[in-house]
Amino acid sequence: VRRMRPDHSWDDIARFLKQRGLGWSPERLRRAVKWMVTEGMADAALLRKSPPRLPEDRLMTLVAGIHSSNPQLTLREIAGQLERLHERTPHGGTKWAPSSVKNLLDRAKRNGLLSEA
């Protein structure tokens, strides 16, 4: 946590910990760090706000990466991969529509993550 805060959000840190088999929710993690700061066991800088970031940036990068690794995948196949990864849609749903994938791919192209071709 010390290495990731405040540069990363609590959600990102909780996701990172979950990938390593540790079951921390973002709220539980934040409360634990707040308690540690109160007890003098951690630096108060850990509680500073993380920089604002659009929530779709991570999804856009993920979708661009999936597309780059296999450009032959259809939008529906990419959506299926996102569902298998248990990624939430930009609006918080669990079922990915091909149009949502296309929107993220288009944004990735506009932001230079993917070539237009």
Foldseek 3Di string as FASTA:
>chain_A
DVVCPPQDALCVVQVVVVVVVDRDDSVNVLVVVVVCVVVVNDDPRRNDHHDDDQPCPVVLLVLLVVCVVPVVDALVRSQVVCLVVQHAQSVGHNHDDSVSSVVSPVVCCVVPVDPPD
